[in-house]
Amino acid sequence: MNTTDKHNERMATMTFASVYPLYVTKIERKGRTVDELDQVIEWLCGFDKHAIQRLIDEKVTFKHFFEQATLHPNAHLIKGMICGYRIEDIENKLTQQVRYLDKLVDELAKGRKMEKVIRN
């Protein structure tokens, strides 16, 4: 699926600090914890709790967030629909990576077992 250049630019310039609290609200509303959210982020991107907080404090964009990330080798196993897009069909690498994270947060919020969410 082709996303528009405008959409891809919006993804690149959005700050992780602006989205992280939305992730927290979403998962806590469904009975999950911030520790579980951080575990998912660490699995996908390689950032521990301290690195996550540093990235929030520095207000990094998703572009810089994923430039610093070490994406898990199994990230390509994240498939399905998110925000009307089939993840595996997104051509823009950064937009796909942001949608990987969105999909994992959705699965966590839906009560999926952690072992399934992190695809080990």
PDB file of N, CA and C in Angstrom:
ATOM      1  N   MET A   1       0.841  -1.179   0.000  1.00  0.00           N
ATOM      2  CA  MET A   1       0.000   0.000   0.000  1.00  0.00           C
ATOM      3  C   MET A   1       0.881   1.236   0.000  1.00  0.00           C
ATOM      4  N   ASN A   2       0.538   2.179  -0.793  1.00  0.00           N
ATOM      5  CA  ASN A   2       1.266   3.436  -0.847  1.00  0.00           C
ATOM      6  C   ASN A   2       0.646   4.429   0.113  1.00  0.00           C
ATOM      7  N   THR A   3       1.444   4.974   0.981  1.00  0.00           N
ATOM      8  CA  THR A   3       1.014   6.082   1.815  1.00  0.00           C
ATOM      9  C   THR A   3       1.473   7.348   1.101  1.00  0.00           C
ATOM     10  N   THR A   4       0.847   8.458   1.385  1.00  0.00           N
ATOM     11  CA  THR A   4       1.220   9.701   0.713  1.00  0.00           C
ATOM     12  C   THR A   4       2.495  10.263   1.328  1.00  0.00           C
ATOM     13  N   ASP A   5       3.169  11.100   0.565  1.00  0.00           N
ATOM     14  CA  ASP A   5       4.374  11.752   1.080  1.00  0.00           C
ATOM     15  C   ASP A   5       4.041  12.587   2.314  1.00  0.00           C
ATOM     16  N   LYS A   6       2.881  13.231   2.297  1.00  0.00           N
ATOM     17  CA  LYS A   6       2.461  14.047   3.442  1.00  0.00           C
ATOM     18  C   LYS A   6       2.291  13.175   4.692  1.00  0.00           C
ATOM     19  N   HIS A   7       1.669  12.021   4.508  1.00  0.00           N
ATOM     20  CA  HIS A   7       1.467  11.083   5.616  1.00  0.00           C
ATOM     21  C   HIS A   7       2.814  10.610   6.167  1.00  0.00           C
ATOM     22  N   ASN A   8       3.726  10.245   5.264  1.00  0.00           N
ATOM     23  CA  ASN A   8       5.045   9.773   5.687  1.00  0.00           C
ATOM     24  C   ASN A   8       5.823  10.865   6.408  1.00  0.00           C
ATOM     25  N   GLU A   9       5.717  12.100   5.936  1.00  0.00           N
ATOM     26  CA  GLU A   9       6.408  13.228   6.591  1.00  0.00           C
ATOM     27  C   GLU A   9       5.831  13.471   7.984  1.00  0.00           C
ATOM     28  N   ARG A  10       4.519  13.350   8.106  1.00  0.00           N
ATOM     29  CA  ARG A  10       3.873  13.524   9.411  1.00  0.00           C
ATOM     30  C   ARG A  10       4.375  12.473  10.394  1.00  0.00           C
ATOM     31  N   MET A  11       4.516  11.238   9.931  1.00  0.00           N
ATOM     32  CA  MET A  11       5.054  10.168  10.781  1.00  0.00           C
ATOM     33  C   MET A  11       6.483  10.498  11.221  1.00  0.00           C
ATOM     34  N   ALA A  12       7.284  10.981  10.296  1.00  0.00           N
ATOM     35  CA  ALA A  12       8.697  11.263  10.580  1.00  0.00           C
ATOM     36  C   ALA A  12       8.866  12.388  11.583  1.00  0.00           C
ATOM     37  N   THR A  13       7.993  13.390  11.547  1.00  0.00           N
ATOM     38  CA  THR A  13       8.174  14.572  12.397  1.00  0.00           C
ATOM     39  C   THR A  13       7.408  14.490  13.715  1.00  0.00           C
ATOM     40  N   MET A  14       6.546  13.513  13.873  1.00  0.00           N
ATOM     41  CA  MET A  14       5.826  13.336  15.128  1.00  0.00           C
ATOM     42  C   MET A  14       6.825  12.947  16.219  1.00  0.00           C
ATOM     43  N   THR A  15       6.663  13.494  17.411  1.00  0.00           N
ATOM     44  CA  THR A  15       7.600  13.162  18.480  1.00  0.00           C
ATOM     45  C   THR A  15       7.130  11.936  19.252  1.00  0.00           C
ATOM     46  N   PHE A  16       8.103  11.136  19.653  1.00  0.00           N
ATOM     47  CA  PHE A  16       7.824   9.973  20.486  1.00  0.00           C
ATOM     48  C   PHE A  16       7.189  10.420  21.804  1.00  0.00           C
ATOM     49  N   ALA A  17       7.653  11.560  22.336  1.00  0.00           N
ATOM     50  CA  ALA A  17       7.133  12.081  23.604  1.00  0.00           C
ATOM     51  C   ALA A  17       5.645  12.409  23.525  1.00  0.00           C
ATOM     52  N   SER A  18       5.152  12.791  22.353  1.00  0.00           N
ATOM     53  CA  SER A  18       3.726  13.112  22.214  1.00  0.00           C
ATOM     54  C   SER A  18       2.867  11.857  22.095  1.00  0.00           C
ATOM     55  N   VAL A  19       3.440  10.761  21.635  1.00  0.00           N
ATOM     56  CA  VAL A  19       2.676   9.532  21.408  1.00  0.00           C
ATOM     57  C   VAL A  19       2.754   8.584  22.602  1.00  0.00           C
ATOM     58  N   TYR A  20       3.878   8.569  23.300  1.00  0.00           N
ATOM     59  CA  TYR A  20       4.059   7.638  24.422  1.00  0.00           C
ATOM     60  C   TYR A  20       2.926   7.744  25.462  1.00  0.00           C
ATOM     61  N   PRO A  21       2.525   8.956  25.893  1.00  0.00           N
ATOM     62  CA  PRO A  21       1.424   9.024  26.863  1.00  0.00           C
ATOM     63  C   PRO A  21       0.109   8.444  26.317  1.00  0.00           C
ATOM     64  N   LEU A  22      -0.090   8.542  25.017  1.00  0.00           N
ATOM     65  CA  LEU A  22      -1.286   7.951  24.411  1.00  0.00           C
ATOM     66  C   LEU A  22      -1.223   6.428  24.478  1.00  0.00           C
ATOM     67  N   TYR A  23      -0.036   5.883  24.247  1.00  0.00           N
ATOM     68  CA  TYR A  23       0.163   4.437  24.400  1.00  0.00           C
ATOM     69  C   TYR A  23      -0.141   4.015  25.838  1.00  0.00           C
ATOM     70  N   VAL A  24       0.390   4.791  26.800  1.00  0.00           N
ATOM     71  CA  VAL A  24       0.188   4.471  28.220  1.00  0.00           C
ATOM     72  C   VAL A  24      -1.302   4.472  28.558  1.00  0.00           C
ATOM     73  N   THR A  25      -2.000   5.502  28.142  1.00  0.00           N
ATOM     74  CA  THR A  25      -3.438   5.601  28.412  1.00  0.00           C
ATOM     75  C   THR A  25      -4.176   4.412  27.826  1.00  0.00           C
ATOM     76  N   LYS A  26      -3.840   4.065  26.597  1.00  0.00           N
ATOM     77  CA  LYS A  26      -4.517   2.963  25.909  1.00  0.00           C
ATOM     78  C   LYS A  26      -4.326   1.631  26.632  1.00  0.00           C
ATOM     79  N   ILE A  27      -3.093   1.324  27.008  1.00  0.00           N
ATOM     80  CA  ILE A  27      -2.843   0.020  27.624  1.00  0.00           C
ATOM     81  C   ILE A  27      -3.330  -0.037  29.070  1.00  0.00           C
ATOM     82  N   GLU A  28      -3.207   1.079  29.806  1.00  0.00           N
ATOM     83  CA  GLU A  28      -3.668   1.077  31.200  1.00  0.00           C
ATOM     84  C   GLU A  28      -5.191   0.960  31.275  1.00  0.00           C
ATOM     85  N   ARG A  29      -5.877   1.556  30.324  1.00  0.00           N
ATOM     86  CA  ARG A  29      -7.345   1.474  30.283  1.00  0.00           C
ATOM     87  C   ARG A  29      -7.792   0.024  30.130  1.00  0.00           C
ATOM     88  N   LYS A  30      -6.933  -0.792  29.537  1.00  0.00           N
ATOM     89  CA  LYS A  30      -7.243  -2.206  29.319  1.00  0.00           C
ATOM     90  C   LYS A  30      -6.587  -3.122  30.355  1.00  0.00           C
ATOM     91  N   GLY A  31      -6.045  -2.530  31.436  1.00  0.00           N
ATOM     92  CA  GLY A  31      -5.498  -3.331  32.525  1.00  0.00           C
ATOM     93  C   GLY A  31      -4.059  -3.778  32.344  1.00  0.00           C
ATOM     94  N   ARG A  32      -3.348  -3.231  31.375  1.00  0.00           N
ATOM     95  CA  ARG A  32      -1.935  -3.565  31.181  1.00  0.00           C
ATOM     96  C   ARG A  32      -1.080  -2.505  31.878  1.00  0.00           C
ATOM     97  N   THR A  33       0.227  -2.768  32.002  1.00  0.00           N
ATOM     98  CA  THR A  33       1.097  -1.879  32.770  1.00  0.00           C
ATOM     99  C   THR A  33       2.115  -1.170  31.874  1.00  0.00           C
ATOM    100  N   VAL A  34       2.666  -0.085  32.402  1.00  0.00           N
ATOM    101  CA  VAL A  34       3.720   0.649  31.711  1.00  0.00           C
ATOM    102  C   VAL A  34       4.948  -0.244  31.552  1.00  0.00           C
ATOM    103  N   ASP A  35       5.212  -1.082  32.539  1.00  0.00           N
ATOM    104  CA  ASP A  35       6.339  -2.015  32.417  1.00  0.00           C
ATOM    105  C   ASP A  35       6.164  -2.937  31.207  1.00  0.00           C
ATOM    106  N   GLU A  36       4.952  -3.391  30.976  1.00  0.00           N
ATOM    107  CA  GLU A  36       4.694  -4.239  29.800  1.00  0.00           C
ATOM    108  C   GLU A  36       4.887  -3.446  28.510  1.00  0.00           C
ATOM    109  N   LEU A  37       4.423  -2.199  28.501  1.00  0.00           N
ATOM    110  CA  LEU A  37       4.626  -1.338  27.332  1.00  0.00           C
ATOM    111  C   LEU A  37       6.111  -1.156  27.063  1.00  0.00           C
ATOM    112  N   ASP A  38       6.865  -0.855  28.113  1.00  0.00           N
ATOM    113  CA  ASP A  38       8.311  -0.665  27.958  1.00  0.00           C
ATOM    114  C   ASP A  38       8.993  -1.943  27.488  1.00  0.00           C
ATOM    115  N   GLN A  39       8.495  -3.085  27.935  1.00  0.00           N
ATOM    116  CA  GLN A  39       9.046  -4.371  27.486  1.00  0.00           C
ATOM    117  C   GLN A  39       8.836  -4.554  25.980  1.00  0.00           C
ATOM    118  N   VAL A  40       7.665  -4.166  25.495  1.00  0.00           N
ATOM    119  CA  VAL A  40       7.365  -4.253  24.062  1.00  0.00           C
ATOM    120  C   VAL A  40       8.286  -3.321  23.271  1.00  0.00           C
ATOM    121  N   ILE A  41       8.466  -2.097  23.757  1.00  0.00           N
ATOM    122  CA  ILE A  41       9.348  -1.142  23.078  1.00  0.00           C
ATOM    123  C   ILE A  41      10.780  -1.644  23.087  1.00  0.00           C
ATOM    124  N   GLU A  42      11.205  -2.218  24.210  1.00  0.00           N
ATOM    125  CA  GLU A  42      12.564  -2.758  24.277  1.00  0.00           C
ATOM    126  C   GLU A  42      12.735  -3.920  23.303  1.00  0.00           C
ATOM    127  N   TRP A  43      11.735  -4.784  23.207  1.00  0.00           N
ATOM    128  CA  TRP A  43      11.839  -5.908  22.279  1.00  0.00           C
ATOM    129  C   TRP A  43      11.953  -5.410  20.836  1.00  0.00           C
ATOM    130  N   LEU A  44      11.093  -4.470  20.457  1.00  0.00           N
ATOM    131  CA  LEU A  44      11.080  -4.004  19.070  1.00  0.00           C
ATOM    132  C   LEU A  44      12.291  -3.146  18.734  1.00  0.00           C
ATOM    133  N   CYS A  45      12.660  -2.244  19.643  1.00  0.00           N
ATOM    134  CA  CYS A  45      13.641  -1.203  19.312  1.00  0.00           C
ATOM    135  C   CYS A  45      14.973  -1.301  20.045  1.00  0.00           C
ATOM    136  N   GLY A  46      15.011  -2.070  21.124  1.00  0.00           N
ATOM    137  CA  GLY A  46      16.251  -2.214  21.871  1.00  0.00           C
ATOM    138  C   GLY A  46      16.474  -1.164  22.942  1.00  0.00           C
ATOM    139  N   PHE A  47      15.478  -0.325  23.227  1.00  0.00           N
ATOM    140  CA  PHE A  47      15.616   0.729  24.230  1.00  0.00           C
ATOM    141  C   PHE A  47      15.133   0.239  25.588  1.00  0.00           C
ATOM    142  N   ASP A  48      15.994   0.345  26.614  1.00  0.00           N
ATOM    143  CA  ASP A  48      15.554   0.011  27.961  1.00  0.00           C
ATOM    144  C   ASP A  48      14.779   1.195  28.553  1.00  0.00           C
ATOM    145  N   LYS A  49      14.311   1.056  29.792  1.00  0.00           N
ATOM    146  CA  LYS A  49      13.505   2.097  30.436  1.00  0.00           C
ATOM    147  C   LYS A  49      14.217   3.448  30.474  1.00  0.00           C
ATOM    148  N   HIS A  50      15.524   3.424  30.753  1.00  0.00           N
ATOM    149  CA  HIS A  50      16.282   4.680  30.837  1.00  0.00           C
ATOM    150  C   HIS A  50      16.395   5.344  29.467  1.00  0.00           C
ATOM    151  N   ALA A  51      16.614   4.544  28.449  1.00  0.00           N
ATOM    152  CA  ALA A  51      16.704   5.083  27.085  1.00  0.00           C
ATOM    153  C   ALA A  51      15.351   5.632  26.641  1.00  0.00           C
ATOM    154  N   ILE A  52      14.282   4.948  26.985  1.00  0.00           N
ATOM    155  CA  ILE A  52      12.938   5.430  26.644  1.00  0.00           C
ATOM    156  C   ILE A  52      12.706   6.791  27.276  1.00  0.00           C
ATOM    157  N   GLN A  53      13.048   6.919  28.560  1.00  0.00           N
ATOM    158  CA  GLN A  53      12.849   8.198  29.241  1.00  0.00           C
ATOM    159  C   GLN A  53      13.721   9.297  28.622  1.00  0.00           C
ATOM    160  N   ARG A  54      14.950   8.955  28.254  1.00  0.00           N
ATOM    161  CA  ARG A  54      15.839   9.939  27.614  1.00  0.00           C
ATOM    162  C   ARG A  54      15.243  10.415  26.292  1.00  0.00           C
ATOM    163  N   LEU A  55      14.710   9.485  25.502  1.00  0.00           N
ATOM    164  CA  LEU A  55      14.101   9.844  24.220  1.00  0.00           C
ATOM    165  C   LEU A  55      12.869  10.727  24.412  1.00  0.00           C
ATOM    166  N   ILE A  56      12.117  10.468  25.462  1.00  0.00           N
ATOM    167  CA  ILE A  56      10.960  11.315  25.789  1.00  0.00           C
ATOM    168  C   ILE A  56      11.443  12.701  26.197  1.00  0.00           C
ATOM    169  N   ASP A  57      12.432  12.757  27.086  1.00  0.00           N
ATOM    170  CA  ASP A  57      12.953  14.043  27.565  1.00  0.00           C
ATOM    171  C   ASP A  57      13.538  14.882  26.433  1.00  0.00           C
ATOM    172  N   GLU A  58      14.188  14.213  25.485  1.00  0.00           N
ATOM    173  CA  GLU A  58      14.806  14.918  24.355  1.00  0.00           C
ATOM    174  C   GLU A  58      13.795  15.263  23.266  1.00  0.00           C
ATOM    175  N   LYS A  59      12.561  14.763  23.416  1.00  0.00           N
ATOM    176  CA  LYS A  59      11.493  15.015  22.444  1.00  0.00           C
ATOM    177  C   LYS A  59      11.926  14.671  21.013  1.00  0.00           C
ATOM    178  N   VAL A  60      12.502  13.484  20.866  1.00  0.00           N
ATOM    179  CA  VAL A  60      12.970  13.052  19.555  1.00  0.00           C
ATOM    180  C   VAL A  60      11.781  12.746  18.640  1.00  0.00           C
ATOM    181  N   THR A  61      11.989  12.980  17.365  1.00  0.00           N
ATOM    182  CA  THR A  61      10.975  12.623  16.371  1.00  0.00           C
ATOM    183  C   THR A  61      11.039  11.119  16.139  1.00  0.00           C
ATOM    184  N   PHE A  62       9.991  10.589  15.538  1.00  0.00           N
ATOM    185  CA  PHE A  62      10.022   9.167  15.206  1.00  0.00           C
ATOM    186  C   PHE A  62      11.156   8.865  14.230  1.00  0.00           C
ATOM    187  N   LYS A  63      11.494   9.817  13.378  1.00  0.00           N
ATOM    188  CA  LYS A  63      12.618   9.607  12.461  1.00  0.00           C
ATOM    189  C   LYS A  63      13.897   9.329  13.262  1.00  0.00           C
ATOM    190  N   HIS A  64      14.184  10.185  14.232  1.00  0.00           N
ATOM    191  CA  HIS A  64      15.388   9.999  15.051  1.00  0.00           C
ATOM    192  C   HIS A  64      15.258   8.800  15.993  1.00  0.00           C
ATOM    193  N   PHE A  65      14.055   8.560  16.484  1.00  0.00           N
ATOM    194  CA  PHE A  65      13.785   7.412  17.350  1.00  0.00           C
ATOM    195  C   PHE A  65      14.204   6.125  16.644  1.00  0.00           C
ATOM    196  N   PHE A  66      13.713   5.929  15.415  1.00  0.00           N
ATOM    197  CA  PHE A  66      14.017   4.686  14.702  1.00  0.00           C
ATOM    198  C   PHE A  66      15.416   4.669  14.099  1.00  0.00           C
ATOM    199  N   GLU A  67      16.025   5.834  13.893  1.00  0.00           N
ATOM    200  CA  GLU A  67      17.431   5.862  13.470  1.00  0.00           C
ATOM    201  C   GLU A  67      18.332   5.331  14.581  1.00  0.00           C
ATOM    202  N   GLN A  68      17.941   5.586  15.831  1.00  0.00           N
ATOM    203  CA  GLN A  68      18.724   5.132  16.979  1.00  0.00           C
ATOM    204  C   GLN A  68      18.380   3.701  17.391  1.00  0.00           C
ATOM    205  N   ALA A  69      17.258   3.205  16.913  1.00  0.00           N
ATOM    206  CA  ALA A  69      16.776   1.879  17.326  1.00  0.00           C
ATOM    207  C   ALA A  69      17.543   0.764  16.623  1.00  0.00           C
ATOM    208  N   THR A  70      17.594  -0.367  17.313  1.00  0.00           N
ATOM    209  CA  THR A  70      18.070  -1.602  16.707  1.00  0.00           C
ATOM    210  C   THR A  70      16.851  -2.502  16.609  1.00  0.00           C
ATOM    211  N   LEU A  71      16.227  -2.502  15.443  1.00  0.00           N
ATOM    212  CA  LEU A  71      14.987  -3.243  15.270  1.00  0.00           C
ATOM    213  C   LEU A  71      15.221  -4.742  15.449  1.00  0.00           C
ATOM    214  N   HIS A  72      14.324  -5.385  16.172  1.00  0.00           N
ATOM    215  CA  HIS A  72      14.424  -6.822  16.430  1.00  0.00           C
ATOM    216  C   HIS A  72      14.369  -7.579  15.103  1.00  0.00           C
ATOM    217  N   PRO A  73      15.185  -8.628  14.956  1.00  0.00           N
ATOM    218  CA  PRO A  73      15.189  -9.406  13.707  1.00  0.00           C
ATOM    219  C   PRO A  73      13.831 -10.018  13.354  1.00  0.00           C
ATOM    220  N   ASN A  74      12.969 -10.212  14.343  1.00  0.00           N
ATOM    221  CA  ASN A  74      11.647 -10.787  14.080  1.00  0.00           C
ATOM    222  C   ASN A  74      10.571  -9.731  13.840  1.00  0.00           C
ATOM    223  N   ALA A  75      10.951  -8.480  13.724  1.00  0.00           N
ATOM    224  CA  ALA A  75       9.961  -7.419  13.509  1.00  0.00           C
ATOM    225  C   ALA A  75       9.150  -7.659  12.236  1.00  0.00           C
ATOM    226  N   HIS A  76       9.764  -8.276  11.248  1.00  0.00           N
ATOM    227  CA  HIS A  76       9.052  -8.543   9.991  1.00  0.00           C
ATOM    228  C   HIS A  76       7.863  -9.491  10.178  1.00  0.00           C
ATOM    229  N   LEU A  77       7.806 -10.160  11.326  1.00  0.00           N
ATOM    230  CA  LEU A  77       6.684 -11.059  11.611  1.00  0.00           C
ATOM    231  C   LEU A  77       5.428 -10.312  12.061  1.00  0.00           C
ATOM    232  N   ILE A  78       5.566  -9.002  12.297  1.00  0.00           N
ATOM    233  CA  ILE A  78       4.416  -8.184  12.701  1.00  0.00           C
ATOM    234  C   ILE A  78       3.609  -7.893  11.444  1.00  0.00           C
ATOM    235  N   LYS A  79       2.427  -8.443  11.408  1.00  0.00           N
ATOM    236  CA  LYS A  79       1.576  -8.310  10.223  1.00  0.00           C
ATOM    237  C   LYS A  79       0.165  -7.943  10.652  1.00  0.00           C
ATOM    238  N   GLY A  80      -0.623  -7.550   9.691  1.00  0.00           N
ATOM    239  CA  GLY A  80      -2.025  -7.254   9.963  1.00  0.00           C
ATOM    240  C   GLY A  80      -2.363  -5.814   9.640  1.00  0.00           C
ATOM    241  N   MET A  81      -3.568  -5.437  10.036  1.00  0.00           N
ATOM    242  CA  MET A  81      -4.076  -4.098   9.749  1.00  0.00           C
ATOM    243  C   MET A  81      -3.893  -3.190  10.954  1.00  0.00           C
ATOM    244  N   ILE A  82      -3.506  -1.957  10.672  1.00  0.00           N
ATOM    245  CA  ILE A  82      -3.425  -0.931  11.704  1.00  0.00           C
ATOM    246  C   ILE A  82      -3.748   0.410  11.049  1.00  0.00           C
ATOM    247  N   CYS A  83      -4.690   1.116  11.610  1.00  0.00           N
ATOM    248  CA  CYS A  83      -5.096   2.433  11.094  1.00  0.00           C
ATOM    249  C   CYS A  83      -5.455   2.386   9.614  1.00  0.00           C
ATOM    250  N   GLY A  84      -6.056   1.290   9.192  1.00  0.00           N
ATOM    251  CA  GLY A  84      -6.491   1.162   7.809  1.00  0.00           C
ATOM    252  C   GLY A  84      -5.418   0.736   6.824  1.00  0.00           C
ATOM    253  N   TYR A  85      -4.226   0.428   7.307  1.00  0.00           N
ATOM    254  CA  TYR A  85      -3.124   0.016   6.437  1.00  0.00           C
ATOM    255  C   TYR A  85      -2.694  -1.408   6.784  1.00  0.00           C
ATOM    256  N   ARG A  86      -2.413  -2.199   5.787  1.00  0.00           N
ATOM    257  CA  ARG A  86      -1.823  -3.523   5.998  1.00  0.00           C
ATOM    258  C   ARG A  86      -0.330  -3.296   6.181  1.00  0.00           C
ATOM    259  N   ILE A  87       0.192  -3.609   7.361  1.00  0.00           N
ATOM    260  CA  ILE A  87       1.565  -3.294   7.737  1.00  0.00           C
ATOM    261  C   ILE A  87       2.580  -3.820   6.728  1.00  0.00           C
ATOM    262  N   GLU A  88       2.413  -5.063   6.317  1.00  0.00           N
ATOM    263  CA  GLU A  88       3.409  -5.667   5.429  1.00  0.00           C
ATOM    264  C   GLU A  88       3.429  -5.036   4.032  1.00  0.00           C
ATOM    265  N   ASP A  89       2.406  -4.234   3.699  1.00  0.00           N
ATOM    266  CA  ASP A  89       2.341  -3.593   2.385  1.00  0.00           C
ATOM    267  C   ASP A  89       2.822  -2.135   2.398  1.00  0.00           C
ATOM    268  N   ILE A  90       3.147  -1.599   3.561  1.00  0.00           N
ATOM    269  CA  ILE A  90       3.610  -0.209   3.642  1.00  0.00           C
ATOM    270  C   ILE A  90       5.019  -0.136   3.062  1.00  0.00           C
ATOM    271  N   GLU A  91       5.199   0.712   2.086  1.00  0.00           N
ATOM    272  CA  GLU A  91       6.472   0.791   1.378  1.00  0.00           C
ATOM    273  C   GLU A  91       7.499   1.689   2.068  1.00  0.00           C
ATOM    274  N   ASN A  92       7.040   2.741   2.743  1.00  0.00           N
ATOM    275  CA  ASN A  92       7.962   3.643   3.424  1.00  0.00           C
ATOM    276  C   ASN A  92       8.457   2.959   4.704  1.00  0.00           C
ATOM    277  N   LYS A  93       9.756   2.757   4.802  1.00  0.00           N
ATOM    278  CA  LYS A  93      10.351   2.004   5.921  1.00  0.00           C
ATOM    279  C   LYS A  93      10.004   2.613   7.278  1.00  0.00           C
ATOM    280  N   LEU A  94      10.145   3.930   7.422  1.00  0.00           N
ATOM    281  CA  LEU A  94       9.873   4.572   8.702  1.00  0.00           C
ATOM    282  C   LEU A  94       8.401   4.443   9.086  1.00  0.00           C
ATOM    283  N   THR A  95       7.524   4.703   8.147  1.00  0.00           N
ATOM    284  CA  THR A  95       6.089   4.575   8.433  1.00  0.00           C
ATOM    285  C   THR A  95       5.765   3.149   8.844  1.00  0.00           C
ATOM    286  N   GLN A  96       6.370   2.180   8.193  1.00  0.00           N
ATOM    287  CA  GLN A  96       6.153   0.779   8.552  1.00  0.00           C
ATOM    288  C   GLN A  96       6.639   0.514   9.980  1.00  0.00           C
ATOM    289  N   GLN A  97       7.784   1.059  10.350  1.00  0.00           N
ATOM    290  CA  GLN A  97       8.318   0.848  11.695  1.00  0.00           C
ATOM    291  C   GLN A  97       7.404   1.469  12.753  1.00  0.00           C
ATOM    292  N   VAL A  98       6.897   2.665  12.487  1.00  0.00           N
ATOM    293  CA  VAL A  98       5.957   3.295  13.426  1.00  0.00           C
ATOM    294  C   VAL A  98       4.716   2.418  13.565  1.00  0.00           C
ATOM    295  N   ARG A  99       4.241   1.880  12.462  1.00  0.00           N
ATOM    296  CA  ARG A  99       3.051   1.021  12.497  1.00  0.00           C
ATOM    297  C   ARG A  99       3.332  -0.315  13.180  1.00  0.00           C
ATOM    298  N   TYR A 100       4.563  -0.806  13.101  1.00  0.00           N
ATOM    299  CA  TYR A 100       4.941  -1.990  13.895  1.00  0.00           C
ATOM    300  C   TYR A 100       4.676  -1.711  15.373  1.00  0.00           C
ATOM    301  N   LEU A 101       5.175  -0.561  15.836  1.00  0.00           N
ATOM    302  CA  LEU A 101       5.017  -0.202  17.244  1.00  0.00           C
ATOM    303  C   LEU A 101       3.538  -0.038  17.586  1.00  0.00           C
ATOM    304  N   ASP A 102       2.794   0.644  16.728  1.00  0.00           N
ATOM    305  CA  ASP A 102       1.351   0.813  16.965  1.00  0.00           C
ATOM    306  C   ASP A 102       0.654  -0.541  17.084  1.00  0.00           C
ATOM    307  N   LYS A 103       0.999  -1.460  16.212  1.00  0.00           N
ATOM    308  CA  LYS A 103       0.368  -2.787  16.206  1.00  0.00           C
ATOM    309  C   LYS A 103       0.668  -3.547  17.500  1.00  0.00           C
ATOM    310  N   LEU A 104       1.918  -3.476  17.959  1.00  0.00           N
ATOM    311  CA  LEU A 104       2.273  -4.157  19.204  1.00  0.00           C
ATOM    312  C   LEU A 104       1.507  -3.568  20.390  1.00  0.00           C
ATOM    313  N   VAL A 105       1.384  -2.244  20.417  1.00  0.00           N
ATOM    314  CA  VAL A 105       0.628  -1.596  21.499  1.00  0.00           C
ATOM    315  C   VAL A 105      -0.837  -2.013  21.432  1.00  0.00           C
ATOM    316  N   ASP A 106      -1.396  -2.074  20.241  1.00  0.00           N
ATOM    317  CA  ASP A 106      -2.790  -2.534  20.090  1.00  0.00           C
ATOM    318  C   ASP A 106      -2.961  -3.954  20.612  1.00  0.00           C
ATOM    319  N   GLU A 107      -2.023  -4.834  20.241  1.00  0.00           N
ATOM    320  CA  GLU A 107      -2.121  -6.225  20.693  1.00  0.00           C
ATOM    321  C   GLU A 107      -2.003  -6.321  22.206  1.00  0.00           C
ATOM    322  N   LEU A 108      -1.129  -5.527  22.782  1.00  0.00           N
ATOM    323  CA  LEU A 108      -0.976  -5.498  24.233  1.00  0.00           C
ATOM    324  C   LEU A 108      -2.282  -5.039  24.878  1.00  0.00           C
ATOM    325  N   ALA A 109      -2.866  -3.978  24.341  1.00  0.00           N
ATOM    326  CA  ALA A 109      -4.115  -3.437  24.890  1.00  0.00           C
ATOM    327  C   ALA A 109      -5.270  -4.421  24.747  1.00  0.00           C
ATOM    328  N   LYS A 110      -5.234  -5.243  23.724  1.00  0.00           N
ATOM    329  CA  LYS A 110      -6.312  -6.215  23.504  1.00  0.00           C
ATOM    330  C   LYS A 110      -6.175  -7.457  24.380  1.00  0.00           C
ATOM    331  N   GLY A 111      -5.124  -7.481  25.201  1.00  0.00           N
ATOM    332  CA  GLY A 111      -4.971  -8.588  26.139  1.00  0.00           C
ATOM    333  C   GLY A 111      -4.200  -9.780  25.610  1.00  0.00           C
ATOM    334  N   ARG A 112      -3.564  -9.628  24.481  1.00  0.00           N
ATOM    335  CA  ARG A 112      -2.777 -10.732  23.927  1.00  0.00           C
ATOM    336  C   ARG A 112      -1.625 -11.064  24.879  1.00  0.00           C
ATOM    337  N   LYS A 113      -1.294 -12.314  25.012  1.00  0.00           N
ATOM    338  CA  LYS A 113      -0.204 -12.734  25.897  1.00  0.00           C
ATOM    339  C   LYS A 113       1.114 -12.140  25.411  1.00  0.00           C
ATOM    340  N   MET A 114       1.948 -11.746  26.354  1.00  0.00           N
ATOM    341  CA  MET A 114       3.212 -11.099  26.028  1.00  0.00           C
ATOM    342  C   MET A 114       4.060 -11.958  25.096  1.00  0.00           C
ATOM    343  N   GLU A 115       4.065 -13.265  25.308  1.00  0.00           N
ATOM    344  CA  GLU A 115       4.860 -14.162  24.478  1.00  0.00           C
ATOM    345  C   GLU A 115       4.447 -14.073  23.005  1.00  0.00           C
ATOM    346  N   LYS A 116       3.172 -13.850  22.768  1.00  0.00           N
ATOM    347  CA  LYS A 116       2.674 -13.716  21.395  1.00  0.00           C
ATOM    348  C   LYS A 116       2.971 -12.317  20.841  1.00  0.00           C
ATOM    349  N   VAL A 117       2.854 -11.302  21.690  1.00  0.00           N
ATOM    350  CA  VAL A 117       3.086  -9.931  21.252  1.00  0.00           C
ATOM    351  C   VAL A 117       4.519  -9.762  20.777  1.00  0.00           C
ATOM    352  N   ILE A 118       5.475 -10.299  21.527  1.00  0.00           N
ATOM    353  CA  ILE A 118       6.879 -10.056  21.195  1.00  0.00           C
ATOM    354  C   ILE A 118       7.466 -11.074  20.224  1.00  0.00           C
ATOM    355  N   ARG A 119       6.685 -12.017  19.769  1.00  0.00           N
ATOM    356  CA  ARG A 119       7.064 -12.893  18.645  1.00  0.00           C
ATOM    357  C   ARG A 119       8.459 -13.492  18.737  1.00  0.00           C
ATOM    358  N   ASN A 120       8.759 -14.107  19.855  1.00  0.00           N
ATOM    359  CA  ASN A 120      10.064 -14.771  19.995  1.00  0.00           C
ATOM    360  C   ASN A 120      10.007 -16.206  19.528  1.00  0.00           C
TER     361      ASN A 120
END
